[in-house]
Amino acid sequence: MLIGKVVGSVVATRKDEKMQNQKLLLVQVHDQQNKPKEQYVVAVDSVGAGLDEMVLYATGSSARQTTLTENKPCDAVIMAVVDSWDLGGDNVYEKWAS
């Protein structure tokens, strides 16, 4: 699993029939300390993630193991919205922090 932030969406009206009705989101990759990288991935959203949410995503063959993406031509899938994480006992991210 990898971690990133939803920064946008991707619309593709012409696509493989197996990908019809799939919500595609643009995710910016973040490191374990919540620092953004200059790397992005387009991922199928299987959990109803939204803009600016931190998410866990999988790539490669693991991306085709959710109920929504099974046997579909998908290379990345969002499978969780992150509420919080810590690193070495220090809080790195808290969704509900103001």
PDB file of N, CA and C in Angstrom:
ATOM      1  N   MET A   1       0.836  -1.179   0.000  1.00  0.00           N
ATOM      2  CA  MET A   1       0.000   0.000   0.000  1.00  0.00           C
ATOM      3  C   MET A   1       0.876   1.234   0.000  1.00  0.00           C
ATOM      4  N   LEU A   2       0.359   2.252  -0.642  1.00  0.00           N
ATOM      5  CA  LEU A   2       1.042   3.532  -0.742  1.00  0.00           C
ATOM      6  C   LEU A   2       0.106   4.613  -0.237  1.00  0.00           C
ATOM      7  N   ILE A   3       0.670   5.792   0.058  1.00  0.00           N
ATOM      8  CA  ILE A   3      -0.155   6.869   0.597  1.00  0.00           C
ATOM      9  C   ILE A   3      -0.040   8.099  -0.290  1.00  0.00           C
ATOM     10  N   GLY A   4      -1.151   8.803  -0.438  1.00  0.00           N
ATOM     11  CA  GLY A   4      -1.156   9.992  -1.258  1.00  0.00           C
ATOM     12  C   GLY A   4      -2.357  10.871  -0.953  1.00  0.00           C
ATOM     13  N   LYS A   5      -2.436  11.994  -1.653  1.00  0.00           N
ATOM     14  CA  LYS A   5      -3.511  12.963  -1.461  1.00  0.00           C
ATOM     15  C   LYS A   5      -4.257  13.147  -2.781  1.00  0.00           C
ATOM     16  N   VAL A   6      -5.569  13.107  -2.707  1.00  0.00           N
ATOM     17  CA  VAL A   6      -6.385  13.337  -3.902  1.00  0.00           C
ATOM     18  C   VAL A   6      -6.294  14.817  -4.263  1.00  0.00           C
ATOM     19  N   VAL A   7      -5.809  15.090  -5.475  1.00  0.00           N
ATOM     20  CA  VAL A   7      -5.620  16.478  -5.913  1.00  0.00           C
ATOM     21  C   VAL A   7      -6.482  16.843  -7.118  1.00  0.00           C
ATOM     22  N   GLY A   8      -7.201  15.874  -7.651  1.00  0.00           N
ATOM     23  CA  GLY A   8      -8.045  16.168  -8.803  1.00  0.00           C
ATOM     24  C   GLY A   8      -8.746  14.925  -9.306  1.00  0.00           C
ATOM     25  N   SER A   9      -9.446  15.105 -10.401  1.00  0.00           N
ATOM     26  CA  SER A   9     -10.155  13.981 -11.020  1.00  0.00           C
ATOM     27  C   SER A   9      -9.778  13.899 -12.487  1.00  0.00           C
ATOM     28  N   VAL A  10     -10.044  12.757 -13.071  1.00  0.00           N
ATOM     29  CA  VAL A  10      -9.763  12.534 -14.482  1.00  0.00           C
ATOM     30  C   VAL A  10     -11.056  12.065 -15.139  1.00  0.00           C
ATOM     31  N   VAL A  11     -11.421  12.703 -16.237  1.00  0.00           N
ATOM     32  CA  VAL A  11     -12.616  12.319 -16.982  1.00  0.00           C
ATOM     33  C   VAL A  11     -12.177  11.754 -18.322  1.00  0.00           C
ATOM     34  N   ALA A  12     -12.649  10.560 -18.630  1.00  0.00           N
ATOM     35  CA  ALA A  12     -12.353   9.920 -19.907  1.00  0.00           C
ATOM     36  C   ALA A  12     -13.670   9.336 -20.428  1.00  0.00           C
ATOM     37  N   THR A  13     -14.252   9.993 -21.408  1.00  0.00           N
ATOM     38  CA  THR A  13     -15.548   9.530 -21.911  1.00  0.00           C
ATOM     39  C   THR A  13     -15.409   8.310 -22.804  1.00  0.00           C
ATOM     40  N   ARG A  14     -14.270   8.171 -23.450  1.00  0.00           N
ATOM     41  CA  ARG A  14     -14.019   6.994 -24.294  1.00  0.00           C
ATOM     42  C   ARG A  14     -12.999   6.125 -23.589  1.00  0.00           C
ATOM     43  N   LYS A  15     -13.437   4.938 -23.169  1.00  0.00           N
ATOM     44  CA  LYS A  15     -12.542   4.026 -22.461  1.00  0.00           C
ATOM     45  C   LYS A  15     -13.042   2.606 -22.625  1.00  0.00           C
ATOM     46  N   ASP A  16     -12.203   1.661 -22.233  1.00  0.00           N
ATOM     47  CA  ASP A  16     -12.560   0.248 -22.289  1.00  0.00           C
ATOM     48  C   ASP A  16     -13.890   0.031 -21.568  1.00  0.00           C
ATOM     49  N   GLU A  17     -14.718  -0.831 -22.130  1.00  0.00           N
ATOM     50  CA  GLU A  17     -16.050  -1.062 -21.558  1.00  0.00           C
ATOM     51  C   GLU A  17     -15.985  -1.554 -20.112  1.00  0.00           C
ATOM     52  N   LYS A  18     -14.930  -2.246 -19.730  1.00  0.00           N
ATOM     53  CA  LYS A  18     -14.802  -2.705 -18.344  1.00  0.00           C
ATOM     54  C   LYS A  18     -14.554  -1.551 -17.380  1.00  0.00           C
ATOM     55  N   MET A  19     -14.169  -0.400 -17.920  1.00  0.00           N
ATOM     56  CA  MET A  19     -13.891   0.754 -17.070  1.00  0.00           C
ATOM     57  C   MET A  19     -15.050   1.750 -17.036  1.00  0.00           C
ATOM     58  N   GLN A  20     -16.162   1.422 -17.680  1.00  0.00           N
ATOM     59  CA  GLN A  20     -17.337   2.296 -17.639  1.00  0.00           C
ATOM     60  C   GLN A  20     -17.793   2.457 -16.189  1.00  0.00           C
ATOM     61  N   ASN A  21     -18.253   3.646 -15.849  1.00  0.00           N
ATOM     62  CA  ASN A  21     -18.779   3.978 -14.521  1.00  0.00           C
ATOM     63  C   ASN A  21     -17.733   3.898 -13.405  1.00  0.00           C
ATOM     64  N   GLN A  22     -16.461   3.981 -13.766  1.00  0.00           N
ATOM     65  CA  GLN A  22     -15.391   4.000 -12.772  1.00  0.00           C
ATOM     66  C   GLN A  22     -14.971   5.453 -12.533  1.00  0.00           C
ATOM     67  N   LYS A  23     -14.974   5.887 -11.285  1.00  0.00           N
ATOM     68  CA  LYS A  23     -14.521   7.226 -10.918  1.00  0.00           C
ATOM     69  C   LYS A  23     -12.995   7.210 -10.860  1.00  0.00           C
ATOM     70  N   LEU A  24     -12.363   8.100 -11.608  1.00  0.00           N
ATOM     71  CA  LEU A  24     -10.906   8.181 -11.666  1.00  0.00           C
ATOM     72  C   LEU A  24     -10.430   9.434 -10.943  1.00  0.00           C
ATOM     73  N   LEU A  25      -9.496   9.269 -10.034  1.00  0.00           N
ATOM     74  CA  LEU A  25      -8.965  10.395  -9.275  1.00  0.00           C
ATOM     75  C   LEU A  25      -7.465  10.518  -9.475  1.00  0.00           C
ATOM     76  N   LEU A  26      -6.986  11.753  -9.446  1.00  0.00           N
ATOM     77  CA  LEU A  26      -5.558  12.036  -9.545  1.00  0.00           C
ATOM     78  C   LEU A  26      -4.999  12.136  -8.126  1.00  0.00           C
ATOM     79  N   VAL A  27      -4.021  11.293  -7.822  1.00  0.00           N
ATOM     80  CA  VAL A  27      -3.443  11.215  -6.479  1.00  0.00           C
ATOM     81  C   VAL A  27      -1.986  11.652  -6.542  1.00  0.00           C
ATOM     82  N   GLN A  28      -1.614  12.603  -5.669  1.00  0.00           N
ATOM     83  CA  GLN A  28      -0.216  12.990  -5.547  1.00  0.00           C
ATOM     84  C   GLN A  28       0.420  12.121  -4.470  1.00  0.00           C
ATOM     85  N   VAL A  29       1.511  11.471  -4.815  1.00  0.00           N
ATOM     86  CA  VAL A  29       2.206  10.587  -3.893  1.00  0.00           C
ATOM     87  C   VAL A  29       2.826  11.401  -2.752  1.00  0.00           C
ATOM     88  N   HIS A  30       2.712  10.886  -1.525  1.00  0.00           N
ATOM     89  CA  HIS A  30       3.320  11.506  -0.350  1.00  0.00           C
ATOM     90  C   HIS A  30       4.258  10.493   0.298  1.00  0.00           C
ATOM     91  N   ASP A  31       5.257  10.990   1.034  1.00  0.00           N
ATOM     92  CA  ASP A  31       6.145  10.078   1.752  1.00  0.00           C
ATOM     93  C   ASP A  31       5.593   9.804   3.146  1.00  0.00           C
ATOM     94  N   GLN A  32       6.303   9.007   3.931  1.00  0.00           N
ATOM     95  CA  GLN A  32       5.821   8.592   5.241  1.00  0.00           C
ATOM     96  C   GLN A  32       5.696   9.749   6.227  1.00  0.00           C
ATOM     97  N   GLN A  33       6.339  10.880   5.928  1.00  0.00           N
ATOM     98  CA  GLN A  33       6.244  12.058   6.787  1.00  0.00           C
ATOM     99  C   GLN A  33       5.247  13.075   6.247  1.00  0.00           C
ATOM    100  N   ASN A  34       4.438  12.652   5.298  1.00  0.00           N
ATOM    101  CA  ASN A  34       3.384  13.466   4.686  1.00  0.00           C
ATOM    102  C   ASN A  34       3.936  14.612   3.841  1.00  0.00           C
ATOM    103  N   LYS A  35       5.088  14.408   3.262  1.00  0.00           N
ATOM    104  CA  LYS A  35       5.646  15.403   2.348  1.00  0.00           C
ATOM    105  C   LYS A  35       5.310  14.980   0.922  1.00  0.00           C
ATOM    106  N   PRO A  36       4.718  15.895   0.139  1.00  0.00           N
ATOM    107  CA  PRO A  36       4.351  15.532  -1.237  1.00  0.00           C
ATOM    108  C   PRO A  36       5.574  15.348  -2.123  1.00  0.00           C
ATOM    109  N   LYS A  37       5.462  14.409  -3.030  1.00  0.00           N
ATOM    110  CA  LYS A  37       6.485  14.182  -4.045  1.00  0.00           C
ATOM    111  C   LYS A  37       5.961  14.727  -5.364  1.00  0.00           C
ATOM    112  N   GLU A  38       6.825  14.945  -6.302  1.00  0.00           N
ATOM    113  CA  GLU A  38       6.411  15.375  -7.639  1.00  0.00           C
ATOM    114  C   GLU A  38       6.084  14.148  -8.480  1.00  0.00           C
ATOM    115  N   GLN A  39       5.210  13.322  -7.950  1.00  0.00           N
ATOM    116  CA  GLN A  39       4.800  12.089  -8.611  1.00  0.00           C
ATOM    117  C   GLN A  39       3.297  11.945  -8.426  1.00  0.00           C
ATOM    118  N   TYR A  40       2.625  11.538  -9.495  1.00  0.00           N
ATOM    119  CA  TYR A  40       1.174  11.427  -9.489  1.00  0.00           C
ATOM    120  C   TYR A  40       0.749  10.087 -10.079  1.00  0.00           C
ATOM    121  N   VAL A  41      -0.446   9.640  -9.684  1.00  0.00           N
ATOM    122  CA  VAL A  41      -1.008   8.417 -10.225  1.00  0.00           C
ATOM    123  C   VAL A  41      -2.509   8.633 -10.416  1.00  0.00           C
ATOM    124  N   VAL A  42      -3.040   8.062 -11.488  1.00  0.00           N
ATOM    125  CA  VAL A  42      -4.490   8.052 -11.699  1.00  0.00           C
ATOM    126  C   VAL A  42      -4.993   6.736 -11.138  1.00  0.00           C
ATOM    127  N   ALA A  43      -5.967   6.822 -10.223  1.00  0.00           N
ATOM    128  CA  ALA A  43      -6.445   5.619  -9.539  1.00  0.00           C
ATOM    129  C   ALA A  43      -7.969   5.532  -9.594  1.00  0.00           C
ATOM    130  N   VAL A  44      -8.470   4.316  -9.717  1.00  0.00           N
ATOM    131  CA  VAL A  44      -9.901   4.063  -9.609  1.00  0.00           C
ATOM    132  C   VAL A  44     -10.277   4.234  -8.137  1.00  0.00           C
ATOM    133  N   ASP A  45     -11.358   4.954  -7.880  1.00  0.00           N
ATOM    134  CA  ASP A  45     -11.814   5.174  -6.512  1.00  0.00           C
ATOM    135  C   ASP A  45     -12.822   4.105  -6.124  1.00  0.00           C
ATOM    136  N   SER A  46     -12.450   3.245  -5.185  1.00  0.00           N
ATOM    137  CA  SER A  46     -13.363   2.178  -4.766  1.00  0.00           C
ATOM    138  C   SER A  46     -14.047   2.473  -3.431  1.00  0.00           C
ATOM    139  N   VAL A  47     -13.750   3.637  -2.839  1.00  0.00           N
ATOM    140  CA  VAL A  47     -14.288   3.932  -1.501  1.00  0.00           C
ATOM    141  C   VAL A  47     -15.010   5.270  -1.375  1.00  0.00           C
ATOM    142  N   GLY A  48     -15.139   6.029  -2.439  1.00  0.00           N
ATOM    143  CA  GLY A  48     -15.817   7.323  -2.360  1.00  0.00           C
ATOM    144  C   GLY A  48     -14.948   8.428  -1.789  1.00  0.00           C
ATOM    145  N   ALA A  49     -13.668   8.412  -2.131  1.00  0.00           N
ATOM    146  CA  ALA A  49     -12.740   9.444  -1.663  1.00  0.00           C
ATOM    147  C   ALA A  49     -13.067  10.780  -2.329  1.00  0.00           C
ATOM    148  N   GLY A  50     -12.628  11.859  -1.683  1.00  0.00           N
ATOM    149  CA  GLY A  50     -12.883  13.189  -2.222  1.00  0.00           C
ATOM    150  C   GLY A  50     -11.633  14.029  -2.305  1.00  0.00           C
ATOM    151  N   LEU A  51     -11.779  15.184  -2.905  1.00  0.00           N
ATOM    152  CA  LEU A  51     -10.684  16.125  -3.093  1.00  0.00           C
ATOM    153  C   LEU A  51     -10.035  16.471  -1.751  1.00  0.00           C
ATOM    154  N   ASP A  52      -8.729  16.522  -1.736  1.00  0.00           N
ATOM    155  CA  ASP A  52      -7.895  16.871  -0.579  1.00  0.00           C
ATOM    156  C   ASP A  52      -7.853  15.798   0.510  1.00  0.00           C
ATOM    157  N   GLU A  53      -8.435  14.627   0.290  1.00  0.00           N
ATOM    158  CA  GLU A  53      -8.350  13.561   1.288  1.00  0.00           C
ATOM    159  C   GLU A  53      -7.075  12.758   1.096  1.00  0.00           C
ATOM    160  N   MET A  54      -6.495  12.336   2.209  1.00  0.00           N
ATOM    161  CA  MET A  54      -5.358  11.426   2.179  1.00  0.00           C
ATOM    162  C   MET A  54      -5.916  10.023   2.012  1.00  0.00           C
ATOM    163  N   VAL A  55      -5.292   9.247   1.141  1.00  0.00           N
ATOM    164  CA  VAL A  55      -5.808   7.920   0.816  1.00  0.00           C
ATOM    165  C   VAL A  55      -4.679   6.896   0.772  1.00  0.00           C
ATOM    166  N   LEU A  56      -5.070   5.641   0.940  1.00  0.00           N
ATOM    167  CA  LEU A  56      -4.171   4.525   0.686  1.00  0.00           C
ATOM    168  C   LEU A  56      -4.536   3.967  -0.676  1.00  0.00           C
ATOM    169  N   TYR A  57      -3.534   3.663  -1.473  1.00  0.00           N
ATOM    170  CA  TYR A  57      -3.800   3.100  -2.788  1.00  0.00           C
ATOM    171  C   TYR A  57      -2.815   1.973  -3.063  1.00  0.00           C
ATOM    172  N   ALA A  58      -3.216   1.109  -3.960  1.00  0.00           N
ATOM    173  CA  ALA A  58      -2.370  -0.004  -4.382  1.00  0.00           C
ATOM    174  C   ALA A  58      -2.166   0.094  -5.882  1.00  0.00           C
ATOM    175  N   THR A  59      -1.047  -0.444  -6.344  1.00  0.00           N
ATOM    176  CA  THR A  59      -0.758  -0.443  -7.779  1.00  0.00           C
ATOM    177  C   THR A  59      -0.427  -1.858  -8.238  1.00  0.00           C
ATOM    178  N   GLY A  60      -0.343  -2.002  -9.539  1.00  0.00           N
ATOM    179  CA  GLY A  60       0.006  -3.302 -10.108  1.00  0.00           C
ATOM    180  C   GLY A  60      -1.116  -4.305  -9.952  1.00  0.00           C
ATOM    181  N   SER A  61      -0.762  -5.574  -9.845  1.00  0.00           N
ATOM    182  CA  SER A  61      -1.781  -6.625  -9.754  1.00  0.00           C
ATOM    183  C   SER A  61      -2.641  -6.485  -8.507  1.00  0.00           C
ATOM    184  N   SER A  62      -2.123  -5.891  -7.454  1.00  0.00           N
ATOM    185  CA  SER A  62      -2.918  -5.669  -6.239  1.00  0.00           C
ATOM    186  C   SER A  62      -4.093  -4.740  -6.497  1.00  0.00           C
ATOM    187  N   ALA A  63      -3.972  -3.870  -7.484  1.00  0.00           N
ATOM    188  CA  ALA A  63      -5.051  -2.928  -7.800  1.00  0.00           C
ATOM    189  C   ALA A  63      -6.273  -3.639  -8.372  1.00  0.00           C
ATOM    190  N   ARG A  64      -6.105  -4.845  -8.820  1.00  0.00           N
ATOM    191  CA  ARG A  64      -7.222  -5.582  -9.410  1.00  0.00           C
ATOM    192  C   ARG A  64      -7.826  -6.587  -8.434  1.00  0.00           C
ATOM    193  N   GLN A  65      -7.638  -6.353  -7.157  1.00  0.00           N
ATOM    194  CA  GLN A  65      -8.149  -7.291  -6.169  1.00  0.00           C
ATOM    195  C   GLN A  65      -9.270  -6.738  -5.308  1.00  0.00           C
ATOM    196  N   THR A  66      -9.783  -5.545  -5.628  1.00  0.00           N
ATOM    197  CA  THR A  66     -10.965  -5.064  -4.920  1.00  0.00           C
ATOM    198  C   THR A  66     -12.204  -5.556  -5.655  1.00  0.00           C
ATOM    199  N   THR A  67     -13.328  -5.526  -4.992  1.00  0.00           N
ATOM    200  CA  THR A  67     -14.580  -5.949  -5.620  1.00  0.00           C
ATOM    201  C   THR A  67     -14.861  -5.119  -6.868  1.00  0.00           C
ATOM    202  N   LEU A  68     -14.583  -3.827  -6.800  1.00  0.00           N
ATOM    203  CA  LEU A  68     -14.874  -2.925  -7.909  1.00  0.00           C
ATOM    204  C   LEU A  68     -13.933  -3.090  -9.097  1.00  0.00           C
ATOM    205  N   THR A  69     -12.691  -3.512  -8.844  1.00  0.00           N
ATOM    206  CA  THR A  69     -11.691  -3.547  -9.919  1.00  0.00           C
ATOM    207  C   THR A  69     -11.287  -4.947 -10.357  1.00  0.00           C
ATOM    208  N   GLU A  70     -11.883  -5.957  -9.782  1.00  0.00           N
ATOM    209  CA  GLU A  70     -11.509  -7.330 -10.109  1.00  0.00           C
ATOM    210  C   GLU A  70     -11.658  -7.602 -11.607  1.00  0.00           C
ATOM    211  N   ASN A  71     -10.590  -8.116 -12.204  1.00  0.00           N
ATOM    212  CA  ASN A  71     -10.553  -8.464 -13.636  1.00  0.00           C
ATOM    213  C   ASN A  71     -10.770  -7.277 -14.571  1.00  0.00           C
ATOM    214  N   LYS A  72     -10.383  -6.094 -14.117  1.00  0.00           N
ATOM    215  CA  LYS A  72     -10.498  -4.897 -14.961  1.00  0.00           C
ATOM    216  C   LYS A  72      -9.101  -4.365 -15.263  1.00  0.00           C
ATOM    217  N   PRO A  73      -8.945  -3.671 -16.394  1.00  0.00           N
ATOM    218  CA  PRO A  73      -7.628  -3.154 -16.784  1.00  0.00           C
ATOM    219  C   PRO A  73      -7.249  -1.914 -15.968  1.00  0.00           C
ATOM    220  N   CYS A  74      -6.913  -2.137 -14.731  1.00  0.00           N
ATOM    221  CA  CYS A  74      -6.661  -1.064 -13.780  1.00  0.00           C
ATOM    222  C   CYS A  74      -5.281  -1.266 -13.161  1.00  0.00           C
ATOM    223  N   ASP A  75      -4.507  -0.202 -13.047  1.00  0.00           N
ATOM    224  CA  ASP A  75      -3.169  -0.316 -12.475  1.00  0.00           C
ATOM    225  C   ASP A  75      -3.041   0.375 -11.124  1.00  0.00           C
ATOM    226  N   ALA A  76      -4.077   1.112 -10.700  1.00  0.00           N
ATOM    227  CA  ALA A  76      -4.044   1.757  -9.382  1.00  0.00           C
ATOM    228  C   ALA A  76      -5.470   1.878  -8.859  1.00  0.00           C
ATOM    229  N   VAL A  77      -5.638   1.640  -7.556  1.00  0.00           N
ATOM    230  CA  VAL A  77      -6.952   1.732  -6.930  1.00  0.00           C
ATOM    231  C   VAL A  77      -6.822   2.354  -5.547  1.00  0.00           C
ATOM    232  N   ILE A  78      -7.740   3.261  -5.247  1.00  0.00           N
ATOM    233  CA  ILE A  78      -7.846   3.801  -3.891  1.00  0.00           C
ATOM    234  C   ILE A  78      -8.715   2.843  -3.106  1.00  0.00           C
ATOM    235  N   MET A  79      -8.181   2.350  -1.961  1.00  0.00           N
ATOM    236  CA  MET A  79      -8.957   1.381  -1.194  1.00  0.00           C
ATOM    237  C   MET A  79      -9.202   1.801   0.242  1.00  0.00           C
ATOM    238  N   ALA A  80      -8.757   3.007   0.624  1.00  0.00           N
ATOM    239  CA  ALA A  80      -9.025   3.498   1.979  1.00  0.00           C
ATOM    240  C   ALA A  80      -8.827   5.006   2.032  1.00  0.00           C
ATOM    241  N   VAL A  81      -9.624   5.653   2.877  1.00  0.00           N
ATOM    242  CA  VAL A  81      -9.429   7.062   3.207  1.00  0.00           C
ATOM    243  C   VAL A  81      -8.774   7.090   4.580  1.00  0.00           C
ATOM    244  N   VAL A  82      -7.673   7.805   4.692  1.00  0.00           N
ATOM    245  CA  VAL A  82      -6.876   7.822   5.922  1.00  0.00           C
ATOM    246  C   VAL A  82      -7.488   8.798   6.931  1.00  0.00           C
ATOM    247  N   ASP A  83      -7.660   8.340   8.167  1.00  0.00           N
ATOM    248  CA  ASP A  83      -8.109   9.206   9.265  1.00  0.00           C
ATOM    249  C   ASP A  83      -6.914   9.820   9.988  1.00  0.00           C
ATOM    250  N   SER A  84      -5.873   9.014  10.211  1.00  0.00           N
ATOM    251  CA  SER A  84      -4.676   9.529  10.876  1.00  0.00           C
ATOM    252  C   SER A  84      -3.539   8.530  10.695  1.00  0.00           C
ATOM    253  N   TRP A  85      -2.327   9.002  10.922  1.00  0.00           N
ATOM    254  CA  TRP A  85      -1.187   8.091  11.016  1.00  0.00           C
ATOM    255  C   TRP A  85      -0.098   8.724  11.860  1.00  0.00           C
ATOM    256  N   ASP A  86       0.695   7.845  12.456  1.00  0.00           N
ATOM    257  CA  ASP A  86       1.831   8.320  13.232  1.00  0.00           C
ATOM    258  C   ASP A  86       3.092   7.613  12.763  1.00  0.00           C
ATOM    259  N   LEU A  87       4.204   8.196  13.116  1.00  0.00           N
ATOM    260  CA  LEU A  87       5.506   7.658  12.741  1.00  0.00           C
ATOM    261  C   LEU A  87       6.403   7.767  13.959  1.00  0.00           C
ATOM    262  N   GLY A  88       6.812   6.636  14.491  1.00  0.00           N
ATOM    263  CA  GLY A  88       7.670   6.637  15.675  1.00  0.00           C
ATOM    264  C   GLY A  88       7.025   7.293  16.876  1.00  0.00           C
ATOM    265  N   GLY A  89       5.715   7.195  16.991  1.00  0.00           N
ATOM    266  CA  GLY A  89       4.998   7.788  18.112  1.00  0.00           C
ATOM    267  C   GLY A  89       4.582   9.230  17.900  1.00  0.00           C
ATOM    268  N   ASP A  90       5.032   9.861  16.829  1.00  0.00           N
ATOM    269  CA  ASP A  90       4.649  11.241  16.526  1.00  0.00           C
ATOM    270  C   ASP A  90       3.518  11.262  15.513  1.00  0.00           C
ATOM    271  N   ASN A  91       2.494  12.060  15.794  1.00  0.00           N
ATOM    272  CA  ASN A  91       1.372  12.184  14.874  1.00  0.00           C
ATOM    273  C   ASN A  91       1.832  12.928  13.620  1.00  0.00           C
ATOM    274  N   VAL A  92       1.650  12.293  12.471  1.00  0.00           N
ATOM    275  CA  VAL A  92       2.041  12.890  11.193  1.00  0.00           C
ATOM    276  C   VAL A  92       0.840  13.542  10.509  1.00  0.00           C
ATOM    277  N   TYR A  93      -0.329  12.899  10.640  1.00  0.00           N
ATOM    278  CA  TYR A  93      -1.521  13.384   9.955  1.00  0.00           C
ATOM    279  C   TYR A  93      -2.756  13.057  10.775  1.00  0.00           C
ATOM    280  N   GLU A  94      -3.656  14.015  10.839  1.00  0.00           N
ATOM    281  CA  GLU A  94      -4.951  13.850  11.501  1.00  0.00           C
ATOM    282  C   GLU A  94      -6.002  14.499  10.622  1.00  0.00           C
ATOM    283  N   LYS A  95      -6.928  13.700  10.111  1.00  0.00           N
ATOM    284  CA  LYS A  95      -7.944  14.198   9.187  1.00  0.00           C
ATOM    285  C   LYS A  95      -8.783  15.300   9.810  1.00  0.00           C
ATOM    286  N   TRP A  96      -9.130  15.168  11.062  1.00  0.00           N
ATOM    287  CA  TRP A  96     -10.072  16.093  11.687  1.00  0.00           C
ATOM    288  C   TRP A  96      -9.388  17.234  12.400  1.00  0.00           C
ATOM    289  N   ALA A  97      -8.064  17.370  12.284  1.00  0.00           N
ATOM    290  CA  ALA A  97      -7.352  18.485  12.944  1.00  0.00           C
ATOM    291  C   ALA A  97      -7.717  19.787  12.263  1.00  0.00           C
ATOM    292  N   SER A  98      -7.844  20.810  13.047  1.00  0.00           N
ATOM    293  CA  SER A  98      -8.210  22.123  12.464  1.00  0.00           C
ATOM    294  C   SER A  98      -7.011  23.004  12.240  1.00  0.00           C
TER     295      SER A  98
END
